[in-house]
Amino acid sequence: MEMTEMMRSMEMGEMSMDMGMMQECMEACNACSMAATMCAAADAGMEGMGRCAAMCMTMADMADACMRMMMRPTGYDAEVMMAMMNAGMMMAKACAAECRMHAEMSEHCRYCAMACDEMAAKCEAMMGSMGLIG
């Protein structure tokens, strides 16, 4: 079953958005959370990778929080959603930049940077479709 089918069966409260776009955004958040978790684990034992590991752990938490917030449409508040998604996008951009610095020597950092970029892009697109950004 696709997530959009379940979302359609739920009371959406005041939320109004493209369900396909929302599913893509949630999937990007989930993929980013997984990539960042794995990157943090791989970085944990490597000399000089403490900052990258810490950023990836925070990124995983932020991505998961963004995704979980989108799965609760009845509690939707546009200002809160905008703040959360902006924070998620900012963290994704910062984590991607950090991981890109190590991408040539660490394949896991390259993958994490790509997942962060994808999450930022999907969140931005979703916010734009909701009229939350200008």
Protein backbone atom coordinates (compact mmCIF):
# COMPACT_ATOMS: atom_id res chain seq x y z
CA MET A 1 0.00 0.00 0.00
CA GLU A 2 1.28 3.44 -0.88
CA MET A 3 1.44 6.07 1.83
CA THR A 4 -0.82 8.34 -0.26
CA GLU A 5 -3.65 5.79 0.05
CA MET A 6 -3.42 5.89 3.82
CA MET A 7 -3.11 9.69 3.85
CA ARG A 8 -6.28 9.97 1.74
CA SER A 9 -8.15 7.91 4.33
CA MET A 10 -7.18 10.30 7.14
CA GLU A 11 -8.82 13.51 8.29
CA MET A 12 -6.56 16.21 6.84
CA GLY A 13 -7.64 19.07 9.09
CA GLU A 14 -6.58 22.38 7.57
CA MET A 15 -3.79 20.83 5.50
CA SER A 16 -4.14 21.13 1.76
CA MET A 17 -1.39 19.81 -0.46
CA ASP A 18 -0.50 17.48 -3.30
CA MET A 19 -0.40 14.00 -1.74
CA GLY A 20 2.09 12.74 -4.33
CA MET A 21 4.44 15.58 -3.52
CA MET A 22 4.01 14.97 0.18
CA GLN A 23 4.86 11.29 -0.26
CA GLU A 24 7.99 12.20 -2.25
CA CYS A 25 9.03 14.60 0.50
CA MET A 26 8.47 12.01 3.23
CA GLU A 27 10.43 9.43 1.24
CA ALA A 28 13.30 11.91 0.79
CA CYS A 29 13.26 12.64 4.54
CA ASN A 30 13.32 8.91 5.31
CA ALA A 31 16.17 8.26 2.86
CA CYS A 32 18.11 11.19 4.32
CA SER A 33 17.58 9.92 7.86
CA MET A 34 18.89 6.49 6.91
CA ALA A 35 21.88 7.84 4.94
CA ALA A 36 22.83 10.25 7.71
CA THR A 37 22.56 7.53 10.36
CA MET A 38 24.81 5.23 8.35
CA CYS A 39 27.26 8.04 7.60
CA ALA A 40 27.47 8.96 11.29
CA ALA A 41 28.12 5.33 12.21
CA ALA A 42 30.85 5.03 9.58
CA ASP A 43 32.44 8.33 10.67
CA ALA A 44 32.37 7.46 14.37
CA GLY A 45 35.68 5.60 14.41
CA MET A 46 37.52 7.74 11.88
CA GLU A 47 40.15 10.27 12.92
CA GLY A 48 39.04 13.87 12.35
CA MET A 49 35.43 12.98 11.47
CA GLY A 50 33.78 13.99 14.75
CA ARG A 51 32.08 17.09 13.32
CA CYS A 52 30.76 15.15 10.33
CA ALA A 53 29.45 12.36 12.57
CA ALA A 54 27.74 14.85 14.88
CA MET A 55 26.14 16.74 11.99
CA CYS A 56 24.92 13.49 10.47
CA MET A 57 23.36 12.40 13.77
CA THR A 58 21.54 15.73 14.02
CA MET A 59 20.51 15.48 10.36
CA ALA A 60 19.02 12.03 10.92
CA ASP A 61 16.98 13.36 13.84
CA MET A 62 15.80 16.42 11.88
CA ALA A 63 14.83 14.37 8.82
CA ASP A 64 12.91 11.92 10.97
CA ALA A 65 11.12 14.75 12.81
CA CYS A 66 10.13 16.44 9.53
CA MET A 67 8.77 13.18 8.14
CA ARG A 68 6.85 12.34 11.31
CA MET A 69 5.33 15.82 11.43
CA MET A 70 4.00 15.41 7.89
CA MET A 71 2.39 12.11 8.93
CA ARG A 72 0.18 13.97 11.44
CA PRO A 73 -2.07 16.07 9.20
CA THR A 74 -4.75 16.75 11.79
CA GLY A 75 -2.22 18.63 13.91
CA TYR A 76 -1.12 20.77 10.99
CA ASP A 77 -0.21 24.41 11.59
CA ALA A 78 1.24 26.31 8.61
CA GLU A 79 3.69 28.42 10.63
CA VAL A 80 5.00 25.47 12.60
CA MET A 81 5.28 23.35 9.44
CA MET A 82 7.19 26.15 7.71
CA ALA A 83 9.59 26.53 10.65
CA MET A 84 10.22 22.78 10.83
CA MET A 85 10.75 22.39 7.11
CA ASN A 86 13.01 25.45 6.96
CA ALA A 87 15.08 24.03 9.81
CA GLY A 88 15.22 20.67 8.05
CA MET A 89 16.32 22.29 4.80
CA MET A 90 18.99 24.36 6.53
CA MET A 91 20.33 21.31 8.36
CA ALA A 92 20.28 19.29 5.13
CA LYS A 93 22.28 21.96 3.32
CA ALA A 94 24.80 22.20 6.17
CA CYS A 95 25.18 18.44 6.45
CA ALA A 96 25.54 18.07 2.69
CA ALA A 97 28.28 20.72 2.67
CA GLU A 98 30.14 18.97 5.49
CA CYS A 99 29.85 15.55 3.86
CA ARG A 100 30.95 16.91 0.47
CA MET A 101 34.25 17.94 2.08
CA HIS A 102 34.94 14.23 2.68
CA ALA A 103 33.21 12.77 -0.38
CA GLU A 104 36.41 11.99 -2.26
CA MET A 105 37.77 9.83 0.55
CA SER A 106 34.49 8.50 1.98
CA GLU A 107 31.83 7.02 -0.27
CA HIS A 108 29.32 7.09 2.61
CA CYS A 109 29.78 10.88 2.87
CA ARG A 110 29.07 11.24 -0.86
CA TYR A 111 25.85 9.27 -0.53
CA CYS A 112 24.81 11.23 2.54
CA ALA A 113 25.41 14.54 0.77
CA MET A 114 23.22 13.40 -2.13
CA ALA A 115 20.43 12.32 0.23
CA CYS A 116 20.62 15.65 2.08
CA ASP A 117 20.43 17.57 -1.21
CA GLU A 118 17.40 15.54 -2.27
CA MET A 119 15.61 16.15 1.03
CA ALA A 120 16.26 19.89 0.83
CA ALA A 121 14.94 20.01 -2.74
CA LYS A 122 11.79 17.99 -1.95
CA CYS A 123 11.02 20.05 1.16
CA GLU A 124 11.47 23.27 -0.76
CA ALA A 125 9.19 22.04 -3.56
CA MET A 126 6.53 20.95 -1.10
CA MET A 127 6.64 24.24 0.79
CA GLY A 128 6.37 26.11 -2.50
CA SER A 129 3.28 24.09 -3.48
CA MET A 130 1.72 24.96 -0.12
CA GLY A 131 2.45 28.65 -0.56
CA LEU A 132 4.77 28.63 2.46
CA ILE A 133 7.66 30.22 0.57
CA GLY A 134 7.64 33.08 -1.87
